[in-house]
Each structure stands twice: as structure tokens, then as C-alpha cells.
N, C-alpha and C. Protein backbone atom coordinates (compact mmCIF):
# COMPACT_ATOMS: atom_id res chain seq x y z
N MET A 1 -59.38 70.82 45.13
CA MET A 1 -59.68 70.02 43.48
C MET A 1 -58.21 69.97 43.08
N SER A 2 -58.25 69.04 42.18
CA SER A 2 -57.30 68.48 41.49
C SER A 2 -57.14 69.59 40.49
N LYS A 3 -55.54 69.77 40.00
CA LYS A 3 -55.08 70.32 38.80
C LYS A 3 -54.55 69.70 37.77
N ASN A 4 -54.60 70.23 36.58
CA ASN A 4 -53.83 69.57 35.68
C ASN A 4 -52.31 69.93 35.84
N ILE A 5 -51.82 69.17 35.56
CA ILE A 5 -49.83 69.56 35.23
C ILE A 5 -48.78 68.87 34.49
N VAL A 6 -48.41 69.46 33.77
CA VAL A 6 -48.09 69.15 32.41
C VAL A 6 -46.25 69.33 32.85
N ILE A 7 -45.74 68.59 32.73
CA ILE A 7 -44.06 68.25 33.21
C ILE A 7 -43.35 67.87 32.07
N THR A 8 -42.40 68.39 31.71
CA THR A 8 -41.42 67.75 30.33
C THR A 8 -39.88 67.27 30.73
N GLY A 9 -39.59 66.74 30.45
CA GLY A 9 -38.67 65.83 31.11
C GLY A 9 -38.70 64.72 32.15
N ALA A 10 -39.93 64.24 32.02
CA ALA A 10 -40.47 63.33 33.15
C ALA A 10 -39.76 62.25 33.33
N ASN A 11 -39.23 61.33 32.86
CA ASN A 11 -39.06 60.22 32.99
C ASN A 11 -38.09 59.90 33.95
N ARG A 12 -37.24 60.50 34.33
CA ARG A 12 -36.31 60.02 35.40
C ARG A 12 -35.59 61.91 35.81
N GLY A 13 -34.97 61.81 37.08
CA GLY A 13 -34.34 62.76 37.65
C GLY A 13 -35.59 63.65 38.53
N ILE A 14 -35.66 64.80 38.30
CA ILE A 14 -36.10 65.64 38.94
C ILE A 14 -37.88 65.60 38.10
N GLY A 15 -37.44 65.47 36.74
CA GLY A 15 -38.81 65.67 36.25
C GLY A 15 -40.09 64.46 37.07
N LEU A 16 -39.20 63.44 37.30
CA LEU A 16 -39.89 62.31 37.55
C LEU A 16 -40.53 62.29 38.77
N ALA A 17 -39.23 62.99 39.83
CA ALA A 17 -39.81 63.64 41.47
C ALA A 17 -40.57 64.36 41.41
N MET A 18 -41.01 65.23 40.46
CA MET A 18 -41.75 66.11 40.75
C MET A 18 -43.08 65.89 40.18
N ALA A 19 -43.29 64.50 39.21
CA ALA A 19 -44.58 64.17 38.80
C ALA A 19 -45.22 63.29 40.02
N LYS A 20 -44.38 62.50 40.78
CA LYS A 20 -44.51 61.83 41.73
C LYS A 20 -45.20 62.65 42.61
N LYS A 21 -44.48 63.95 42.91
CA LYS A 21 -45.07 64.57 44.26
C LYS A 21 -46.52 65.18 43.62
N PHE A 22 -46.92 65.58 42.50
CA PHE A 22 -48.12 66.49 42.06
C PHE A 22 -48.95 64.86 42.17
N GLN A 23 -48.62 64.02 41.69
CA GLN A 23 -49.92 62.67 41.57
C GLN A 23 -49.95 62.40 43.05
N THR A 24 -49.06 62.69 44.07
CA THR A 24 -49.41 62.33 45.13
C THR A 24 -50.79 63.54 46.25
N GLN A 25 -50.11 64.59 45.83
CA GLN A 25 -51.31 65.42 45.71
C GLN A 25 -52.61 65.36 45.22
N GLY A 26 -52.80 64.46 44.40
CA GLY A 26 -54.23 64.34 43.49
C GLY A 26 -54.29 65.01 42.74
N ASP A 27 -53.24 65.87 41.98
CA ASP A 27 -53.51 66.09 40.97
C ASP A 27 -53.21 65.59 39.49
N ASN A 28 -54.03 65.89 38.25
CA ASN A 28 -53.76 65.06 37.04
C ASN A 28 -52.06 65.46 36.55
N VAL A 29 -51.59 64.40 36.71
CA VAL A 29 -50.38 64.83 35.69
C VAL A 29 -50.04 63.97 34.41
N TYR A 30 -49.59 65.03 33.49
CA TYR A 30 -49.30 64.89 32.35
C TYR A 30 -47.63 64.75 32.15
N ALA A 31 -47.46 63.90 31.91
CA ALA A 31 -45.73 63.36 31.99
C ALA A 31 -44.90 63.24 30.58
N LEU A 32 -44.33 64.39 30.21
CA LEU A 32 -44.14 63.74 28.72
C LEU A 32 -42.30 64.04 28.84
N CYS A 33 -42.06 63.02 27.95
CA CYS A 33 -40.37 63.04 27.59
C CYS A 33 -40.13 62.04 26.19
N ARG A 34 -39.19 61.79 25.81
CA ARG A 34 -38.61 61.31 24.44
C ARG A 34 -38.95 59.60 24.46
N GLN A 35 -38.54 59.28 25.68
CA GLN A 35 -38.95 57.89 26.11
C GLN A 35 -39.39 57.76 27.24
N SER A 36 -40.39 56.96 27.99
CA SER A 36 -40.63 56.61 28.80
C SER A 36 -39.80 55.75 29.85
N SER A 37 -40.11 55.40 31.25
CA SER A 37 -39.07 54.92 31.94
C SER A 37 -39.90 53.87 32.88
N ALA A 38 -39.52 52.39 33.31
CA ALA A 38 -40.12 51.69 34.39
C ALA A 38 -40.65 52.67 35.36
N ALA A 39 -39.88 53.71 36.14
CA ALA A 39 -40.60 54.35 37.42
C ALA A 39 -41.59 54.78 36.77
N LEU A 40 -41.28 55.84 35.67
CA LEU A 40 -42.47 56.86 35.42
C LEU A 40 -44.07 55.82 34.82
N ASN A 41 -43.67 54.66 34.22
CA ASN A 41 -44.82 53.80 33.90
C ASN A 41 -45.31 52.71 35.15
N GLU A 42 -45.02 53.30 36.51
CA GLU A 42 -45.50 52.69 37.87
C GLU A 42 -46.26 53.87 38.20
N LEU A 43 -46.16 54.82 37.92
CA LEU A 43 -47.13 55.84 38.47
C LEU A 43 -48.50 55.98 37.87
N ALA A 44 -49.33 56.78 38.48
CA ALA A 44 -50.51 56.86 37.96
C ALA A 44 -50.87 58.08 37.71
N VAL A 45 -50.51 58.35 36.32
CA VAL A 45 -49.74 59.16 35.52
C VAL A 45 -50.41 59.13 34.28
N HIS A 46 -50.82 60.18 33.47
CA HIS A 46 -51.02 60.42 31.71
C HIS A 46 -49.12 60.10 31.01
N VAL A 47 -48.93 59.61 30.68
CA VAL A 47 -47.65 59.23 30.31
C VAL A 47 -47.70 59.89 28.65
N ILE A 48 -46.79 60.85 28.07
CA ILE A 48 -46.97 60.94 26.77
C ILE A 48 -45.52 60.94 26.30
N VAL A 49 -45.16 60.22 25.18
CA VAL A 49 -43.67 59.67 24.71
C VAL A 49 -43.74 60.57 23.45
N ASP A 50 -42.38 60.44 23.15
CA ASP A 50 -41.96 60.85 21.45
C ASP A 50 -42.20 62.49 21.84
N ILE A 51 -41.53 62.94 23.19
CA ILE A 51 -41.45 64.46 22.99
C ILE A 51 -40.62 64.93 23.08
N ASP A 52 -40.14 65.25 21.89
CA ASP A 52 -38.65 65.72 22.19
C ASP A 52 -38.70 67.23 21.59
N VAL A 53 -38.41 68.16 23.10
CA VAL A 53 -38.82 69.40 22.82
C VAL A 53 -38.27 70.29 22.16
N ALA A 54 -37.32 69.44 21.68
CA ALA A 54 -35.96 71.00 20.86
C ALA A 54 -36.13 70.47 19.24
N THR A 55 -37.58 70.06 18.67
CA THR A 55 -37.67 69.76 17.41
C THR A 55 -38.98 70.32 17.02
N ASP A 56 -39.26 70.82 15.93
CA ASP A 56 -40.57 70.67 15.22
C ASP A 56 -41.71 69.51 15.18
N ALA A 57 -41.52 68.47 15.08
CA ALA A 57 -42.00 67.77 15.79
C ALA A 57 -42.61 67.10 17.08
N GLY A 58 -41.56 67.52 17.69
CA GLY A 58 -41.72 67.17 19.13
C GLY A 58 -43.19 68.34 19.87
N ILE A 59 -42.73 69.30 19.57
CA ILE A 59 -43.73 70.21 19.85
C ILE A 59 -44.61 70.19 19.21
N LYS A 60 -44.89 69.57 18.12
CA LYS A 60 -46.34 69.54 17.11
C LYS A 60 -46.85 67.89 18.10
N ASN A 61 -46.07 67.34 18.11
CA ASN A 61 -46.97 66.12 18.86
C ASN A 61 -47.02 66.42 20.68
N MET A 62 -46.65 67.42 20.93
CA MET A 62 -47.01 67.78 22.33
C MET A 62 -48.31 68.45 22.33
N THR A 63 -48.68 69.95 21.29
CA THR A 63 -50.09 70.40 21.36
C THR A 63 -51.08 69.29 20.98
N LYS A 64 -50.63 68.43 20.13
CA LYS A 64 -51.62 67.40 19.55
C LYS A 64 -52.06 66.48 20.74
N SER A 65 -51.51 66.14 21.61
CA SER A 65 -51.60 65.32 22.38
C SER A 65 -52.42 66.07 23.97
N LEU A 66 -51.79 67.51 23.76
CA LEU A 66 -52.62 68.23 24.89
C LEU A 66 -53.92 68.88 24.31
N SER A 67 -54.50 68.72 23.15
CA SER A 67 -55.15 69.76 22.51
C SER A 67 -56.40 69.24 23.65
N GLY A 68 -57.00 70.65 23.71
CA GLY A 68 -58.47 70.93 24.92
C GLY A 68 -58.14 70.46 26.20
N ILE A 69 -56.82 70.19 26.93
CA ILE A 69 -56.66 70.26 27.88
C ILE A 69 -56.02 71.55 28.42
N GLY A 70 -57.03 72.00 29.68
CA GLY A 70 -56.70 73.33 30.30
C GLY A 70 -55.38 72.75 31.40
N ILE A 71 -54.31 73.90 31.10
CA ILE A 71 -53.09 73.41 32.01
C ILE A 71 -52.87 74.82 33.14
N ASP A 72 -53.14 74.04 34.51
CA ASP A 72 -53.07 74.67 35.63
C ASP A 72 -51.43 75.38 36.19
N VAL A 73 -50.81 74.01 35.93
CA VAL A 73 -49.04 73.98 36.03
C VAL A 73 -48.25 73.55 35.01
N LEU A 74 -47.92 74.42 34.62
CA LEU A 74 -46.86 73.58 33.25
C LEU A 74 -45.30 73.67 33.66
N VAL A 75 -44.70 72.58 33.71
CA VAL A 75 -43.53 72.89 34.11
C VAL A 75 -42.05 72.46 33.09
N CYS A 76 -41.56 73.48 32.58
CA CYS A 76 -40.44 73.29 31.73
C CYS A 76 -39.36 72.69 32.14
N ASN A 77 -38.91 71.54 32.52
CA ASN A 77 -37.80 70.78 33.36
C ASN A 77 -36.80 70.07 31.99
N ALA A 78 -37.22 69.85 30.91
CA ALA A 78 -36.45 68.97 30.25
C ALA A 78 -35.06 69.94 29.73
N GLY A 79 -33.62 69.02 29.63
CA GLY A 79 -32.55 69.99 30.13
C GLY A 79 -31.38 68.97 29.99
N ILE A 80 -30.43 69.61 29.46
CA ILE A 80 -28.93 69.09 28.99
C ILE A 80 -27.86 69.70 29.91
N LEU A 81 -26.74 69.27 30.19
CA LEU A 81 -25.54 69.56 30.48
C LEU A 81 -24.10 68.98 29.94
N ARG A 82 -23.87 70.24 28.74
CA ARG A 82 -22.68 69.38 28.29
C ARG A 82 -21.19 70.65 29.11
N ASP A 83 -20.16 69.73 28.39
CA ASP A 83 -19.11 70.45 28.98
C ASP A 83 -17.54 71.09 28.48
N GLU A 84 -18.00 72.42 28.20
CA GLU A 84 -16.86 73.39 27.26
C GLU A 84 -15.69 74.31 28.33
N SER A 85 -14.73 74.54 27.63
CA SER A 85 -13.73 75.01 28.21
C SER A 85 -12.85 75.74 27.27
N LEU A 86 -12.23 76.65 27.32
CA LEU A 86 -11.76 77.53 26.44
C LEU A 86 -10.66 76.81 26.30
N THR A 87 -10.01 75.56 26.96
CA THR A 87 -9.03 74.84 26.01
C THR A 87 -9.85 73.27 25.61
N ASP A 88 -11.30 73.42 25.63
CA ASP A 88 -11.67 72.31 24.95
C ASP A 88 -13.23 72.85 24.61
N MET A 89 -13.37 73.45 23.63
CA MET A 89 -14.37 74.31 22.81
C MET A 89 -15.12 73.84 21.99
N ASN A 90 -16.43 73.39 21.92
CA ASN A 90 -17.23 72.36 21.28
C ASN A 90 -18.21 73.50 20.99
N ILE A 91 -18.41 74.20 19.89
CA ILE A 91 -19.61 75.19 19.43
C ILE A 91 -21.10 74.11 19.26
N GLU A 92 -20.51 72.71 18.94
CA GLU A 92 -22.06 72.47 18.38
C GLU A 92 -22.54 72.07 19.85
N THR A 93 -21.58 71.51 20.78
CA THR A 93 -22.36 71.33 22.19
C THR A 93 -23.15 72.58 22.80
N ILE A 94 -22.23 73.44 22.68
CA ILE A 94 -23.19 74.88 23.14
C ILE A 94 -24.26 74.98 22.21
N ARG A 95 -24.69 75.38 20.63
CA ARG A 95 -25.65 75.27 20.19
C ARG A 95 -26.68 74.20 20.65
N GLU A 96 -26.67 73.09 21.27
CA GLU A 96 -27.25 71.84 21.09
C GLU A 96 -28.02 72.42 22.94
N GLN A 97 -27.09 72.86 23.77
CA GLN A 97 -27.69 73.39 25.35
C GLN A 97 -28.64 74.77 25.10
N PHE A 98 -28.46 75.28 24.02
CA PHE A 98 -29.17 76.40 23.49
C PHE A 98 -30.52 75.74 23.08
N GLU A 99 -30.81 75.32 22.12
CA GLU A 99 -31.94 74.26 21.76
C GLU A 99 -32.14 74.12 22.49
N VAL A 100 -31.73 73.01 23.59
CA VAL A 100 -32.75 72.21 24.58
C VAL A 100 -33.21 73.16 25.55
N ASN A 101 -32.14 73.89 26.55
CA ASN A 101 -32.41 74.85 27.59
C ASN A 101 -32.99 76.00 27.49
N ALA A 102 -33.09 76.78 26.69
CA ALA A 102 -33.50 78.20 26.12
C ALA A 102 -34.09 78.02 25.24
N LEU A 103 -34.08 77.80 24.54
CA LEU A 103 -35.15 77.57 23.15
C LEU A 103 -36.38 77.13 23.22
N ALA A 104 -36.15 75.70 23.37
CA ALA A 104 -37.41 74.74 23.86
C ALA A 104 -38.42 75.38 24.65
N PRO A 105 -38.15 75.49 25.94
CA PRO A 105 -38.99 76.03 27.13
C PRO A 105 -39.74 77.12 26.17
N LEU A 106 -39.04 78.40 25.86
CA LEU A 106 -39.67 79.31 25.26
C LEU A 106 -41.03 78.81 24.37
N ARG A 107 -40.68 78.09 23.20
CA ARG A 107 -41.43 77.32 22.48
C ARG A 107 -42.52 76.66 22.96
N ILE A 108 -42.12 75.91 23.78
CA ILE A 108 -43.34 75.08 24.67
C ILE A 108 -44.33 75.87 25.12
N VAL A 109 -44.00 77.43 25.92
CA VAL A 109 -44.92 77.82 26.56
C VAL A 109 -45.94 78.70 25.41
N ASP A 110 -44.73 79.14 24.10
CA ASP A 110 -45.67 79.71 22.95
C ASP A 110 -46.99 78.20 22.50
N ALA A 111 -46.22 77.27 22.52
CA ALA A 111 -47.53 76.33 21.75
C ALA A 111 -48.64 76.07 22.64
N LEU A 112 -48.15 76.51 24.04
CA LEU A 112 -49.33 75.98 24.74
C LEU A 112 -49.96 76.94 25.59
N GLN A 113 -49.98 78.13 25.34
CA GLN A 113 -50.05 79.84 25.60
C GLN A 113 -51.83 78.99 26.17
N SER A 114 -52.40 78.69 24.84
CA SER A 114 -54.01 79.12 25.09
C SER A 114 -54.46 77.92 25.75
N ASN A 115 -53.59 77.05 25.87
CA ASN A 115 -53.82 75.66 26.90
C ASN A 115 -53.88 76.61 28.69
N LEU A 116 -53.31 77.56 28.45
CA LEU A 116 -52.87 77.70 30.16
C LEU A 116 -54.19 78.45 30.77
N ASN A 117 -54.53 77.89 31.65
CA ASN A 117 -55.70 78.09 32.65
C ASN A 117 -55.83 79.46 33.68
N PRO A 118 -56.54 80.56 33.27
CA PRO A 118 -56.57 81.81 33.87
C PRO A 118 -55.97 81.88 35.91
N ASP A 119 -55.06 82.20 36.34
CA ASP A 119 -54.55 81.59 37.37
C ASP A 119 -53.73 80.78 37.21
N GLY A 120 -53.20 80.00 36.33
CA GLY A 120 -52.30 79.14 36.04
C GLY A 120 -50.51 79.83 36.30
N LYS A 121 -49.90 78.86 36.07
CA LYS A 121 -48.43 79.25 36.67
C LYS A 121 -47.68 78.26 35.39
N VAL A 122 -46.32 79.25 35.16
CA VAL A 122 -45.16 78.33 34.66
C VAL A 122 -44.01 78.58 35.53
N ALA A 123 -43.81 76.97 35.67
CA ALA A 123 -42.57 76.68 36.19
C ALA A 123 -41.04 76.45 35.38
N MET A 124 -40.20 77.63 35.38
CA MET A 124 -38.80 77.16 34.56
C MET A 124 -37.74 76.28 35.45
N ILE A 125 -37.42 75.41 35.45
CA ILE A 125 -36.44 74.81 36.49
C ILE A 125 -34.92 75.32 35.28
N THR A 126 -34.39 76.05 36.31
CA THR A 126 -33.04 76.81 35.53
C THR A 126 -31.91 76.38 36.38
N SER A 127 -31.12 76.89 36.36
CA SER A 127 -29.84 77.07 37.66
C SER A 127 -29.29 78.04 37.88
N ARG A 128 -28.79 77.86 38.83
CA ARG A 128 -27.82 79.24 39.48
C ARG A 128 -26.72 79.48 38.71
N MET A 129 -26.25 78.34 37.64
CA MET A 129 -24.95 78.50 36.72
C MET A 129 -25.36 79.58 35.81
N GLY A 130 -26.81 79.73 35.66
CA GLY A 130 -27.25 80.80 34.42
C GLY A 130 -27.06 82.71 35.15
N SER A 131 -26.50 82.40 36.13
CA SER A 131 -26.49 83.79 36.97
C SER A 131 -24.79 84.47 36.77
N ILE A 132 -25.10 85.55 36.33
CA ILE A 132 -23.72 86.23 36.27
C ILE A 132 -23.12 86.49 37.04
N SER A 133 -23.81 87.04 38.15
CA SER A 133 -23.08 87.47 39.21
C SER A 133 -22.53 86.24 40.45
N ASP A 134 -22.98 85.19 39.60
CA ASP A 134 -22.53 84.21 40.84
C ASP A 134 -21.73 83.36 40.57
N ASN A 135 -21.01 83.81 38.63
CA ASN A 135 -20.39 83.03 38.25
C ASN A 135 -18.97 83.04 39.36
N GLY A 136 -18.19 82.10 39.88
CA GLY A 136 -16.91 82.44 40.31
C GLY A 136 -15.77 81.26 39.65
N SER A 137 -16.33 80.43 39.05
CA SER A 137 -15.58 79.53 38.42
C SER A 137 -15.15 79.48 36.97
N GLY A 138 -16.09 80.22 36.77
CA GLY A 138 -16.16 79.94 34.69
C GLY A 138 -16.10 78.34 34.24
N GLY A 139 -15.71 78.79 32.76
CA GLY A 139 -16.01 77.25 31.97
C GLY A 139 -17.62 77.08 31.90
N ARG A 140 -17.92 75.77 31.51
CA ARG A 140 -19.23 75.15 31.23
C ARG A 140 -20.03 76.44 30.13
N TYR A 141 -19.60 76.80 29.09
CA TYR A 141 -19.88 78.22 28.29
C TYR A 141 -21.20 77.83 27.82
N GLY A 142 -21.49 76.70 27.31
CA GLY A 142 -23.08 76.68 26.78
C GLY A 142 -23.75 76.23 27.89
N TYR A 143 -23.69 75.34 29.02
CA TYR A 143 -24.62 75.34 29.96
C TYR A 143 -25.15 76.68 30.59
N ARG A 144 -23.75 77.62 31.45
CA ARG A 144 -23.82 78.73 31.48
C ARG A 144 -24.80 79.55 30.55
N MET A 145 -24.52 79.71 29.56
CA MET A 145 -24.84 80.59 28.27
C MET A 145 -26.51 80.56 28.17
N SER A 146 -27.06 79.06 28.29
CA SER A 146 -28.19 78.77 27.57
C SER A 146 -29.19 78.72 28.83
N LYS A 147 -28.46 78.52 30.38
CA LYS A 147 -29.57 79.22 31.32
C LYS A 147 -29.60 80.45 31.50
N ALA A 148 -28.44 81.55 31.57
CA ALA A 148 -28.59 82.87 31.41
C ALA A 148 -29.97 83.21 30.65
N ALA A 149 -29.98 82.48 29.26
CA ALA A 149 -31.09 82.85 28.36
C ALA A 149 -32.33 82.62 28.60
N LEU A 150 -32.58 81.53 29.23
CA LEU A 150 -33.55 80.94 29.48
C LEU A 150 -33.84 81.94 31.02
N ASN A 151 -32.94 82.24 31.74
CA ASN A 151 -33.39 82.88 32.76
C ASN A 151 -34.15 84.62 32.24
N ALA A 152 -33.76 84.98 31.03
CA ALA A 152 -34.07 86.25 30.38
C ALA A 152 -35.33 86.24 29.89
N ALA A 153 -35.26 85.11 29.42
CA ALA A 153 -37.01 84.61 28.35
C ALA A 153 -37.62 84.29 29.56
N SER A 154 -37.63 84.09 30.81
CA SER A 154 -38.19 83.68 31.57
C SER A 154 -38.76 84.80 32.70
N MET A 155 -38.50 85.81 32.73
CA MET A 155 -38.28 87.47 32.88
C MET A 155 -39.39 88.03 32.21
N SER A 156 -39.00 87.95 30.50
CA SER A 156 -39.83 88.31 29.72
C SER A 156 -41.56 87.73 29.60
N LEU A 157 -41.63 86.01 30.10
CA LEU A 157 -42.75 85.82 29.93
C LEU A 157 -43.72 86.03 31.09
N SER A 158 -42.77 86.16 32.22
CA SER A 158 -43.38 86.59 33.09
C SER A 158 -44.33 88.31 33.15
N LYS A 159 -43.86 88.89 32.31
CA LYS A 159 -44.43 90.39 32.00
C LYS A 159 -45.73 90.06 31.17
N ASP A 160 -45.73 89.21 30.31
CA ASP A 160 -46.14 88.93 29.03
C ASP A 160 -47.58 87.82 29.25
N LEU A 161 -47.22 87.20 30.13
CA LEU A 161 -48.47 86.11 30.71
C LEU A 161 -49.20 87.24 31.88
N SER A 162 -48.72 88.08 32.35
CA SER A 162 -49.93 88.81 33.61
C SER A 162 -50.59 89.29 32.89
N ASN A 163 -50.92 89.39 31.82
CA ASN A 163 -52.21 90.03 31.42
C ASN A 163 -53.53 88.89 31.74
N GLN A 164 -52.67 87.72 31.98
CA GLN A 164 -53.73 86.49 31.47
C GLN A 164 -53.83 85.61 33.19
N ASP A 165 -53.09 86.78 34.01
CA ASP A 165 -52.97 85.93 35.15
C ASP A 165 -52.36 84.70 35.58
N VAL A 166 -51.56 84.73 34.60
CA VAL A 166 -50.50 83.53 34.74
C VAL A 166 -48.82 83.61 35.49
N ALA A 167 -48.40 83.35 36.54
CA ALA A 167 -47.31 83.75 37.18
C ALA A 167 -46.22 82.75 36.76
N VAL A 168 -44.72 83.54 36.14
CA VAL A 168 -43.65 82.70 36.76
C VAL A 168 -42.92 82.25 37.61
N GLY A 169 -42.97 81.17 37.55
CA GLY A 169 -41.35 80.77 38.59
C GLY A 169 -40.35 80.24 37.78
N ILE A 170 -39.20 80.90 38.46
CA ILE A 170 -37.84 80.39 37.98
C ILE A 170 -36.78 79.81 38.90
N TYR A 171 -36.75 78.88 39.01
CA TYR A 171 -36.38 77.85 39.92
C TYR A 171 -34.72 76.74 39.82
N HIS A 172 -33.97 77.36 40.68
CA HIS A 172 -32.87 76.32 40.53
C HIS A 172 -33.05 75.28 41.86
N PRO A 173 -32.63 74.34 41.07
CA PRO A 173 -33.48 72.94 41.77
C PRO A 173 -32.06 72.63 43.42
N GLY A 174 -30.91 73.16 42.64
CA GLY A 174 -30.18 72.68 43.75
C GLY A 174 -28.81 71.58 43.38
N TYR A 175 -28.11 71.37 43.80
CA TYR A 175 -26.98 70.45 42.85
C TYR A 175 -27.85 69.55 43.51
N VAL A 176 -28.18 68.33 42.91
CA VAL A 176 -29.34 67.50 42.90
C VAL A 176 -28.36 66.69 42.26
N GLN A 177 -28.82 65.05 43.40
CA GLN A 177 -28.34 64.07 42.76
C GLN A 177 -29.07 62.79 41.25
N THR A 178 -28.25 63.81 40.20
CA THR A 178 -29.49 62.93 38.95
C THR A 178 -28.28 62.49 38.25
N ASP A 179 -28.62 61.82 36.74
CA ASP A 179 -28.02 61.46 35.93
C ASP A 179 -26.88 62.63 35.68
N MET A 180 -27.74 63.56 35.32
CA MET A 180 -26.76 64.58 34.66
C MET A 180 -25.65 65.45 35.35
N VAL A 181 -25.33 64.84 36.34
CA VAL A 181 -23.64 65.51 37.43
C VAL A 181 -23.46 63.67 37.81
N ASN A 182 -23.68 62.27 37.18
CA ASN A 182 -23.21 61.43 37.30
C ASN A 182 -23.36 61.32 39.22
N HIS A 183 -24.79 61.48 39.54
CA HIS A 183 -25.30 61.25 41.06
C HIS A 183 -24.38 61.90 42.01
N GLY A 184 -23.13 63.18 41.48
CA GLY A 184 -22.58 63.60 42.66
C GLY A 184 -23.20 64.79 43.44
N GLY A 185 -24.66 64.93 43.31
CA GLY A 185 -24.84 66.34 44.07
C GLY A 185 -25.07 66.14 45.26
N ASP A 186 -25.69 67.38 45.73
CA ASP A 186 -25.66 66.81 47.63
C ASP A 186 -27.22 67.04 48.18
N ILE A 187 -28.56 66.69 47.11
CA ILE A 187 -29.17 66.52 47.39
C ILE A 187 -30.22 65.57 46.26
N SER A 188 -31.08 65.06 46.77
CA SER A 188 -31.79 64.06 46.22
C SER A 188 -32.57 64.72 45.42
N ALA A 189 -33.13 63.92 44.32
CA ALA A 189 -34.36 64.35 43.52
C ALA A 189 -35.32 64.63 44.12
N ASP A 190 -35.67 63.70 45.04
CA ASP A 190 -36.99 64.00 45.70
C ASP A 190 -36.74 65.19 46.75
N GLU A 191 -35.99 65.29 47.24
CA GLU A 191 -36.30 66.49 48.11
C GLU A 191 -36.36 67.27 47.37
N SER A 192 -35.38 67.63 46.12
CA SER A 192 -35.05 69.17 45.48
C SER A 192 -36.72 69.03 44.93
N ALA A 193 -37.37 68.10 44.31
CA ALA A 193 -38.84 68.29 43.93
C ALA A 193 -39.80 68.59 44.55
N GLY A 194 -39.60 68.05 45.79
CA GLY A 194 -40.63 68.45 47.07
C GLY A 194 -40.52 69.95 47.70
N ARG A 195 -39.38 70.66 47.53
CA ARG A 195 -38.96 72.06 47.34
C ARG A 195 -39.60 73.03 46.71
N ILE A 196 -39.11 72.49 45.01
CA ILE A 196 -39.69 73.04 44.05
C ILE A 196 -41.47 72.81 44.36
N VAL A 197 -42.08 72.19 44.24
CA VAL A 197 -43.40 71.99 44.41
C VAL A 197 -43.68 72.95 45.23
N GLY A 198 -43.45 72.94 46.47
CA GLY A 198 -43.51 73.63 47.54
C GLY A 198 -43.95 75.11 46.93
N LEU A 199 -42.88 75.71 46.38
CA LEU A 199 -42.49 77.05 45.92
C LEU A 199 -43.52 76.74 45.10
N ILE A 200 -43.84 76.03 44.02
CA ILE A 200 -45.01 76.28 42.77
C ILE A 200 -46.28 76.36 43.58
N ASN A 201 -46.77 75.45 44.78
CA ASN A 201 -48.20 75.72 45.07
C ASN A 201 -48.21 77.18 46.21
N GLU A 202 -47.24 77.79 46.63
CA GLU A 202 -47.37 79.22 47.10
C GLU A 202 -46.86 79.82 45.74
N LEU A 203 -46.73 80.11 44.69
CA LEU A 203 -46.45 81.22 43.72
C LEU A 203 -47.67 81.94 43.30
N THR A 204 -47.59 83.06 43.34
CA THR A 204 -48.75 84.04 43.10
C THR A 204 -48.02 84.77 41.88
N MET A 205 -48.94 85.75 41.91
CA MET A 205 -48.07 86.76 40.98
C MET A 205 -47.72 87.79 41.50
N ASN A 206 -47.76 88.11 42.77
CA ASN A 206 -46.80 89.11 43.39
C ASN A 206 -45.24 88.48 43.28
N GLY A 207 -45.09 86.97 43.23
CA GLY A 207 -43.73 86.41 43.06
C GLY A 207 -43.55 85.96 41.56
N SER A 208 -44.41 86.29 40.86
CA SER A 208 -43.76 86.06 39.20
C SER A 208 -42.17 86.89 38.85
N GLY A 209 -41.36 85.96 38.11
CA GLY A 209 -40.27 86.62 37.64
C GLY A 209 -39.38 86.31 38.46
N VAL A 210 -39.31 85.88 39.67
CA VAL A 210 -38.46 85.98 40.86
C VAL A 210 -37.56 84.83 40.48
N PHE A 211 -36.41 85.02 40.42
CA PHE A 211 -35.51 83.73 40.63
C PHE A 211 -35.51 83.05 41.92
N ARG A 212 -35.09 82.33 42.16
CA ARG A 212 -35.32 81.41 43.10
C ARG A 212 -34.27 80.13 43.60
N HIS A 213 -33.97 79.93 44.33
CA HIS A 213 -33.01 78.60 44.82
C HIS A 213 -34.11 77.75 45.49
N SER A 214 -34.10 76.41 45.47
CA SER A 214 -35.10 75.69 45.70
C SER A 214 -35.86 75.34 47.30
N ASN A 215 -34.37 76.54 47.72
CA ASN A 215 -34.99 76.76 48.99
C ASN A 215 -35.16 77.51 49.73
N GLY A 216 -35.91 78.29 48.82
CA GLY A 216 -36.98 79.86 48.77
C GLY A 216 -35.59 80.98 48.53
N GLU A 217 -34.49 80.63 48.55
CA GLU A 217 -33.53 81.42 48.81
C GLU A 217 -33.89 82.63 47.48
N VAL A 218 -33.66 84.03 47.22
CA VAL A 218 -33.69 84.95 46.01
C VAL A 218 -32.46 84.98 45.72
N LEU A 219 -32.35 84.46 44.35
CA LEU A 219 -30.78 84.25 43.58
C LEU A 219 -30.20 85.76 42.98
N PRO A 220 -29.46 86.05 42.84
CA PRO A 220 -28.80 86.94 42.04
C PRO A 220 -28.88 86.73 40.26
N TRP A 221 -29.00 87.64 39.31
CA TRP A 221 -29.12 87.43 38.06
C TRP A 221 -27.56 87.48 37.50
């Protein structure tokens, strides 16, 4: 039986690749993005544009566009990466990353909570750079801090959504060859997406709130 899948940041990279994977499974995919892309337009999915998840208007457009749609899987994928260091600090880009990487996913789940079907799933696309114990190189203050905040929010959501039988998966996609890292990763977006979609398909309430690498490894907080 086909499921309703909602993916943010679906016009490129991992989001686009996940849209392809779910669509190939026969699911109904709602691909949310600020602007579509030629690759996304080629897919047989529902493309919803003008969704800037870091703004009030974007959240309002999202809830309006998905009104009345029961969601089986909600994938919070949209994110940004900036670079700050102690010798080149930029508080504004840190704030920007908090808005997009940490606050926006929480706002999305809050706004769409009533759309989530019983036995539904929420997938948070985070990063092992949000792991405090795994930080061996420092730097990237905004990205690390915002992803750590997302991990904390995701764990709380796994507790608070349990009464709806909604499971929360927390996934590090790997070092993926996307625009975000100038295609310098070590695995393709398609490979990463395939892994994540597999983990989402297997996700149960027993695995809710677990921080995993896309290869299945449990990651440290």
C-alpha cells in the first residue's frame, strides 16, 4: 500500500534522491522546496514551492498546501552549512544555521503534528558534526551547534510523539557528494538516500530516538 511522504529541501541533493527512492517504491511524494529544479520536475511527485521553512510565510504555505493530507513519513531534510572559526567568527551565520537547521524542523513537526497518521514516522536529517563526543577537529561553530540542538529536539520529539505511535529517526547521511560540500563527499546522494530510506522503512517505535549513521551504525551524542 502506498504511503504519503513529505520531504523538505527536495529540489536537489539528498532530498531529491530520497524523493526518487520513495517514488520508485510507489509512494505518494510531496516534495517541498523554495524553488523547484529541472530534476525534481521530471519526477512523478507533488512539487510544492515557496516553502522557506525558516520563515512564518513558508510554514503557513506548507500547512495550507498539506491541509487534509495524512502523512505517513515526514522527512525534515532542509539544511544549510556555513563556516565559522575562532579567527573568523560570524554570529549572523550561526543564527542563520540555528533558524534553518534546528528551529525549522521543530516548527515543521509542530505545524504538521495533526497531519501525522498513527504509526507514522518523522525522519530528521542531522549530522554527526552535532555529536559532542565525536568532535575531534573543532570549528564549524554554527553547524555543529545547530545540529546538536536538532539532535536534542529530535530526542524530545521521540518522547512526545510516542503517545501517537509516531517514531522519530535521527540520521547522519554520511559525507555526501552534494552542493553543500562542493561535491567533495565520499558517497553519492543516491547511495545515502537509499540507505536512509531503508532505515526509515525499518523504523519502529523500539528504534525511535536513536541517532544513526546512514550505514546503520549507532552514533554517540
